Amino acid sequence: MERTKIKRILSAIEFHQINEILLREINFPIEGEGIYIKHAGTHYGHVKIQISEKTELGSSICNWYLTEEEFPKGVYREAIEKVLSFFISYLEAIRGERVNIYFDILDATFHPVD
């Protein structure tokens, strides 16, 4: 028998406090800003995002309003997209319906701690 550890993308319990808001009709667009600090204190990140309803059929879309010099493609963008994917799945699970959203990344930074 092989055992592997299952990693959490994001602790779903963090969304519990806003479940009622997520279940109601959302007045789009919504703009927000978040900061992430790694537990070991080795780096931190920040993202400013606008979420809008996507009325046409198809997948949710992430629009990056940053140049590659401002926020390089790679592991950090992938991390943000992984969290957005989790958010869509979570929202669909608690609503019981498909959700199509535009995510506009207005600003993002990543910094190793000195």
N, C-alpha and C. Protein backbone atom coordinates (compact mmCIF):
# COMPACT_ATOMS: atom_id res chain seq x y z
N MET A 1 0.84 -1.18 0.00
CA MET A 1 0.00 0.00 0.00
C MET A 1 0.88 1.24 0.00
N GLU A 2 0.51 2.20 -0.83
CA GLU A 2 1.22 3.47 -0.88
C GLU A 2 0.34 4.55 -0.29
N ARG A 3 0.93 5.44 0.49
CA ARG A 3 0.19 6.55 1.08
C ARG A 3 0.80 7.85 0.59
N THR A 4 -0.06 8.79 0.22
CA THR A 4 0.40 10.11 -0.18
C THR A 4 -0.39 11.17 0.58
N LYS A 5 0.25 12.25 0.83
CA LYS A 5 -0.40 13.37 1.51
C LYS A 5 -1.19 14.18 0.49
N ILE A 6 -2.44 14.51 0.79
CA ILE A 6 -3.28 15.31 -0.08
C ILE A 6 -3.16 16.77 0.36
N LYS A 7 -2.70 17.61 -0.54
CA LYS A 7 -2.52 19.03 -0.22
C LYS A 7 -3.81 19.80 -0.44
N ARG A 8 -4.04 20.77 0.39
CA ARG A 8 -5.16 21.69 0.20
C ARG A 8 -4.70 22.82 -0.70
N ILE A 9 -5.56 23.18 -1.65
CA ILE A 9 -5.27 24.35 -2.47
C ILE A 9 -5.46 25.60 -1.63
N LEU A 10 -6.57 25.62 -0.92
CA LEU A 10 -6.90 26.74 -0.06
C LEU A 10 -7.88 26.19 0.96
N SER A 11 -7.76 26.56 2.17
CA SER A 11 -8.64 26.05 3.19
C SER A 11 -10.06 26.54 2.96
N ALA A 12 -10.96 25.61 2.65
CA ALA A 12 -12.35 25.97 2.36
C ALA A 12 -13.03 26.62 3.55
N ILE A 13 -12.54 26.34 4.74
CA ILE A 13 -13.15 26.92 5.94
C ILE A 13 -13.08 28.45 5.91
N GLU A 14 -12.11 29.00 5.20
CA GLU A 14 -12.00 30.46 5.08
C GLU A 14 -13.21 31.06 4.39
N PHE A 15 -13.85 30.29 3.50
CA PHE A 15 -15.02 30.79 2.78
C PHE A 15 -16.31 30.64 3.59
N HIS A 16 -16.29 29.83 4.63
CA HIS A 16 -17.52 29.58 5.39
C HIS A 16 -18.16 30.88 5.88
N GLN A 17 -17.34 31.83 6.30
CA GLN A 17 -17.88 33.08 6.84
C GLN A 17 -18.56 33.95 5.78
N ILE A 18 -18.33 33.67 4.48
CA ILE A 18 -19.00 34.45 3.44
C ILE A 18 -19.97 33.61 2.61
N ASN A 19 -20.27 32.39 3.07
CA ASN A 19 -21.19 31.52 2.32
C ASN A 19 -22.52 32.20 2.02
N GLU A 20 -23.10 32.87 3.01
CA GLU A 20 -24.40 33.52 2.81
C GLU A 20 -24.32 34.57 1.70
N ILE A 21 -23.23 35.31 1.66
CA ILE A 21 -23.05 36.31 0.62
C ILE A 21 -22.92 35.63 -0.74
N LEU A 22 -22.14 34.54 -0.81
CA LEU A 22 -21.94 33.83 -2.07
C LEU A 22 -23.22 33.17 -2.57
N LEU A 23 -24.13 32.82 -1.68
CA LEU A 23 -25.39 32.19 -2.08
C LEU A 23 -26.41 33.20 -2.61
N ARG A 24 -26.29 34.45 -2.20
CA ARG A 24 -27.20 35.49 -2.68
C ARG A 24 -26.79 35.96 -4.06
N GLU A 25 -27.64 36.75 -4.65
CA GLU A 25 -27.32 37.38 -5.93
C GLU A 25 -26.16 38.34 -5.71
N ILE A 26 -25.14 38.21 -6.52
CA ILE A 26 -23.94 39.05 -6.38
C ILE A 26 -24.07 40.24 -7.33
N ASN A 27 -23.84 41.44 -6.79
CA ASN A 27 -23.87 42.65 -7.62
C ASN A 27 -22.49 42.87 -8.22
N PHE A 28 -22.31 42.40 -9.46
CA PHE A 28 -21.04 42.55 -10.16
C PHE A 28 -20.92 43.95 -10.74
N PRO A 29 -19.75 44.48 -10.96
CA PRO A 29 -18.45 43.88 -10.65
C PRO A 29 -18.08 44.07 -9.18
N ILE A 30 -17.21 43.18 -8.73
CA ILE A 30 -16.68 43.24 -7.36
C ILE A 30 -15.18 43.44 -7.48
N GLU A 31 -14.63 44.33 -6.70
CA GLU A 31 -13.19 44.55 -6.71
C GLU A 31 -12.64 44.27 -5.32
N GLY A 32 -11.49 43.64 -5.26
CA GLY A 32 -10.88 43.33 -3.98
C GLY A 32 -9.37 43.24 -4.08
N GLU A 33 -8.76 43.18 -2.92
CA GLU A 33 -7.31 43.11 -2.85
C GLU A 33 -6.95 42.16 -1.73
N GLY A 34 -5.96 41.31 -1.97
CA GLY A 34 -5.56 40.34 -0.97
C GLY A 34 -4.06 40.25 -0.85
N ILE A 35 -3.63 39.81 0.32
CA ILE A 35 -2.21 39.63 0.61
C ILE A 35 -2.02 38.22 1.15
N TYR A 36 -0.94 37.58 0.72
CA TYR A 36 -0.60 36.25 1.20
C TYR A 36 0.82 36.29 1.75
N ILE A 37 0.98 35.78 2.97
CA ILE A 37 2.30 35.69 3.57
C ILE A 37 2.55 34.22 3.89
N LYS A 38 3.62 33.65 3.33
CA LYS A 38 3.95 32.25 3.56
C LYS A 38 4.25 32.05 5.04
N HIS A 39 3.77 30.92 5.59
CA HIS A 39 3.94 30.63 7.02
C HIS A 39 5.40 30.72 7.47
N ALA A 40 6.30 30.27 6.64
CA ALA A 40 7.72 30.29 7.02
C ALA A 40 8.30 31.70 6.93
N GLY A 41 7.53 32.64 6.42
CA GLY A 41 7.99 34.02 6.31
C GLY A 41 9.02 34.23 5.21
N THR A 42 9.06 33.31 4.24
CA THR A 42 10.07 33.41 3.20
C THR A 42 9.66 34.31 2.04
N HIS A 43 8.37 34.53 1.85
CA HIS A 43 7.93 35.42 0.79
C HIS A 43 6.47 35.82 1.00
N TYR A 44 6.07 36.85 0.29
CA TYR A 44 4.68 37.27 0.35
C TYR A 44 4.23 37.76 -1.02
N GLY A 45 2.92 37.76 -1.22
CA GLY A 45 2.36 38.20 -2.48
C GLY A 45 1.13 39.04 -2.25
N HIS A 46 0.74 39.71 -3.31
CA HIS A 46 -0.40 40.62 -3.25
C HIS A 46 -1.09 40.58 -4.60
N VAL A 47 -2.41 40.66 -4.61
CA VAL A 47 -3.14 40.68 -5.87
C VAL A 47 -4.34 41.62 -5.73
N LYS A 48 -4.58 42.41 -6.76
CA LYS A 48 -5.77 43.27 -6.84
C LYS A 48 -6.58 42.73 -8.01
N ILE A 49 -7.85 42.43 -7.75
CA ILE A 49 -8.67 41.71 -8.73
C ILE A 49 -10.05 42.33 -8.85
N GLN A 50 -10.62 42.25 -10.03
CA GLN A 50 -12.02 42.62 -10.26
C GLN A 50 -12.72 41.38 -10.82
N ILE A 51 -13.87 41.08 -10.27
CA ILE A 51 -14.65 39.92 -10.71
C ILE A 51 -15.93 40.42 -11.34
N SER A 52 -16.19 39.95 -12.57
CA SER A 52 -17.38 40.36 -13.32
C SER A 52 -18.12 39.12 -13.80
N GLU A 53 -19.41 39.28 -14.01
CA GLU A 53 -20.22 38.19 -14.54
C GLU A 53 -19.93 38.01 -16.03
N LYS A 54 -19.79 36.77 -16.44
CA LYS A 54 -19.60 36.43 -17.85
C LYS A 54 -20.91 35.84 -18.34
N THR A 55 -21.61 36.57 -19.20
CA THR A 55 -22.95 36.15 -19.61
C THR A 55 -22.94 35.17 -20.77
N GLU A 56 -21.90 35.18 -21.60
CA GLU A 56 -21.85 34.24 -22.71
C GLU A 56 -21.36 32.87 -22.21
N LEU A 57 -21.69 31.83 -22.96
CA LEU A 57 -21.32 30.48 -22.59
C LEU A 57 -19.82 30.27 -22.72
N GLY A 58 -19.33 29.29 -22.01
CA GLY A 58 -17.91 28.96 -22.07
C GLY A 58 -17.26 29.06 -20.70
N SER A 59 -15.99 28.80 -20.70
CA SER A 59 -15.23 28.79 -19.44
C SER A 59 -15.07 30.19 -18.87
N SER A 60 -14.80 30.22 -17.57
CA SER A 60 -14.42 31.48 -16.93
C SER A 60 -13.07 31.90 -17.49
N ILE A 61 -12.82 33.20 -17.49
CA ILE A 61 -11.63 33.76 -18.11
C ILE A 61 -10.87 34.61 -17.09
N CYS A 62 -9.54 34.51 -17.13
CA CYS A 62 -8.68 35.37 -16.32
C CYS A 62 -7.94 36.31 -17.26
N ASN A 63 -8.18 37.61 -17.13
CA ASN A 63 -7.51 38.63 -17.94
C ASN A 63 -6.41 39.26 -17.10
N TRP A 64 -5.19 39.20 -17.60
CA TRP A 64 -4.05 39.77 -16.90
C TRP A 64 -3.77 41.16 -17.47
N TYR A 65 -3.98 42.20 -16.67
CA TYR A 65 -3.71 43.57 -17.09
C TYR A 65 -2.33 44.01 -16.60
N LEU A 66 -1.37 43.10 -16.75
CA LEU A 66 0.01 43.34 -16.35
C LEU A 66 0.92 42.85 -17.45
N THR A 67 2.02 43.52 -17.65
CA THR A 67 3.00 43.02 -18.61
C THR A 67 3.78 41.88 -17.96
N GLU A 68 4.47 41.11 -18.78
CA GLU A 68 5.27 40.02 -18.24
C GLU A 68 6.41 40.55 -17.37
N GLU A 69 6.88 41.76 -17.65
CA GLU A 69 7.92 42.36 -16.82
C GLU A 69 7.37 42.72 -15.43
N GLU A 70 6.11 43.18 -15.40
CA GLU A 70 5.51 43.55 -14.11
C GLU A 70 5.22 42.32 -13.25
N PHE A 71 4.78 41.23 -13.89
CA PHE A 71 4.46 40.00 -13.15
C PHE A 71 4.70 38.82 -14.08
N PRO A 72 5.88 38.21 -14.00
CA PRO A 72 6.27 37.17 -14.95
C PRO A 72 5.33 35.96 -14.96
N LYS A 73 5.21 35.36 -16.15
CA LYS A 73 4.46 34.12 -16.26
C LYS A 73 5.23 33.04 -15.51
N GLY A 74 4.52 32.01 -15.11
CA GLY A 74 5.19 30.91 -14.42
C GLY A 74 4.48 30.57 -13.14
N VAL A 75 5.26 30.14 -12.16
CA VAL A 75 4.71 29.55 -10.94
C VAL A 75 3.79 30.51 -10.18
N TYR A 76 4.06 31.80 -10.17
CA TYR A 76 3.24 32.72 -9.40
C TYR A 76 1.88 32.95 -10.07
N ARG A 77 1.87 33.11 -11.38
CA ARG A 77 0.59 33.21 -12.10
C ARG A 77 -0.20 31.92 -11.95
N GLU A 78 0.50 30.79 -12.06
CA GLU A 78 -0.17 29.50 -11.91
C GLU A 78 -0.81 29.36 -10.53
N ALA A 79 -0.15 29.87 -9.50
CA ALA A 79 -0.70 29.81 -8.15
C ALA A 79 -1.99 30.62 -8.05
N ILE A 80 -2.00 31.81 -8.64
CA ILE A 80 -3.21 32.64 -8.63
C ILE A 80 -4.33 31.95 -9.40
N GLU A 81 -4.01 31.41 -10.57
CA GLU A 81 -5.03 30.73 -11.37
C GLU A 81 -5.57 29.48 -10.66
N LYS A 82 -4.74 28.80 -9.89
CA LYS A 82 -5.18 27.63 -9.13
C LYS A 82 -6.20 28.03 -8.06
N VAL A 83 -5.94 29.15 -7.39
CA VAL A 83 -6.88 29.64 -6.38
C VAL A 83 -8.19 30.09 -7.03
N LEU A 84 -8.12 30.76 -8.18
CA LEU A 84 -9.33 31.19 -8.88
C LEU A 84 -10.15 29.97 -9.33
N SER A 85 -9.47 28.93 -9.77
CA SER A 85 -10.14 27.69 -10.17
C SER A 85 -10.87 27.08 -8.96
N PHE A 86 -10.19 27.07 -7.82
CA PHE A 86 -10.82 26.57 -6.60
C PHE A 86 -12.05 27.40 -6.25
N PHE A 87 -11.94 28.72 -6.36
CA PHE A 87 -13.05 29.61 -6.03
C PHE A 87 -14.26 29.31 -6.90
N ILE A 88 -14.05 29.13 -8.21
CA ILE A 88 -15.15 28.81 -9.11
C ILE A 88 -15.80 27.49 -8.70
N SER A 89 -14.99 26.47 -8.45
CA SER A 89 -15.52 25.16 -8.05
C SER A 89 -16.30 25.26 -6.74
N TYR A 90 -15.77 26.01 -5.79
CA TYR A 90 -16.44 26.19 -4.50
C TYR A 90 -17.78 26.90 -4.68
N LEU A 91 -17.78 27.96 -5.46
CA LEU A 91 -19.00 28.72 -5.71
C LEU A 91 -20.05 27.85 -6.39
N GLU A 92 -19.63 27.06 -7.37
CA GLU A 92 -20.56 26.16 -8.05
C GLU A 92 -21.10 25.10 -7.10
N ALA A 93 -20.27 24.62 -6.20
CA ALA A 93 -20.70 23.58 -5.26
C ALA A 93 -21.76 24.10 -4.29
N ILE A 94 -21.56 25.30 -3.74
CA ILE A 94 -22.53 25.79 -2.76
C ILE A 94 -23.80 26.33 -3.43
N ARG A 95 -23.68 26.78 -4.68
CA ARG A 95 -24.86 27.28 -5.41
C ARG A 95 -25.61 26.17 -6.14
N GLY A 96 -24.91 25.10 -6.49
CA GLY A 96 -25.53 24.01 -7.23
C GLY A 96 -25.82 24.37 -8.67
N GLU A 97 -25.02 25.27 -9.24
CA GLU A 97 -25.20 25.67 -10.63
C GLU A 97 -23.86 26.11 -11.21
N ARG A 98 -23.78 26.06 -12.54
CA ARG A 98 -22.56 26.47 -13.23
C ARG A 98 -22.39 27.98 -13.12
N VAL A 99 -21.15 28.41 -12.96
CA VAL A 99 -20.83 29.83 -12.81
C VAL A 99 -19.75 30.18 -13.84
N ASN A 100 -19.98 31.26 -14.59
CA ASN A 100 -18.98 31.77 -15.54
C ASN A 100 -18.62 33.19 -15.13
N ILE A 101 -17.33 33.41 -14.94
CA ILE A 101 -16.86 34.67 -14.38
C ILE A 101 -15.65 35.17 -15.17
N TYR A 102 -15.52 36.49 -15.24
CA TYR A 102 -14.29 37.12 -15.69
C TYR A 102 -13.50 37.53 -14.44
N PHE A 103 -12.25 37.15 -14.39
CA PHE A 103 -11.35 37.62 -13.35
C PHE A 103 -10.37 38.57 -14.02
N ASP A 104 -10.36 39.82 -13.64
CA ASP A 104 -9.42 40.79 -14.17
C ASP A 104 -8.35 41.05 -13.11
N ILE A 105 -7.12 40.63 -13.40
CA ILE A 105 -6.01 40.87 -12.49
C ILE A 105 -5.47 42.26 -12.80
N LEU A 106 -5.74 43.20 -11.90
CA LEU A 106 -5.39 44.60 -12.10
C LEU A 106 -3.98 44.92 -11.63
N ASP A 107 -3.52 44.20 -10.61
CA ASP A 107 -2.19 44.41 -10.07
C ASP A 107 -1.79 43.16 -9.31
N ALA A 108 -0.53 42.83 -9.31
CA ALA A 108 -0.04 41.68 -8.56
C ALA A 108 1.46 41.84 -8.34
N THR A 109 1.91 41.43 -7.17
CA THR A 109 3.33 41.47 -6.85
C THR A 109 3.71 40.23 -6.06
N PHE A 110 4.97 39.90 -6.10
CA PHE A 110 5.52 38.79 -5.32
C PHE A 110 6.88 39.23 -4.83
N HIS A 111 7.15 39.01 -3.55
CA HIS A 111 8.42 39.45 -2.98
C HIS A 111 9.00 38.41 -2.04
N PRO A 112 10.25 38.05 -2.25
CA PRO A 112 10.91 37.27 -1.20
C PRO A 112 11.17 38.19 -0.02
N VAL A 113 11.10 37.65 1.19
CA VAL A 113 11.35 38.47 2.38
C VAL A 113 12.85 38.60 2.58
N ASP A 114 13.28 39.82 2.83
CA ASP A 114 14.73 40.07 3.00
C ASP A 114 15.25 39.45 4.28
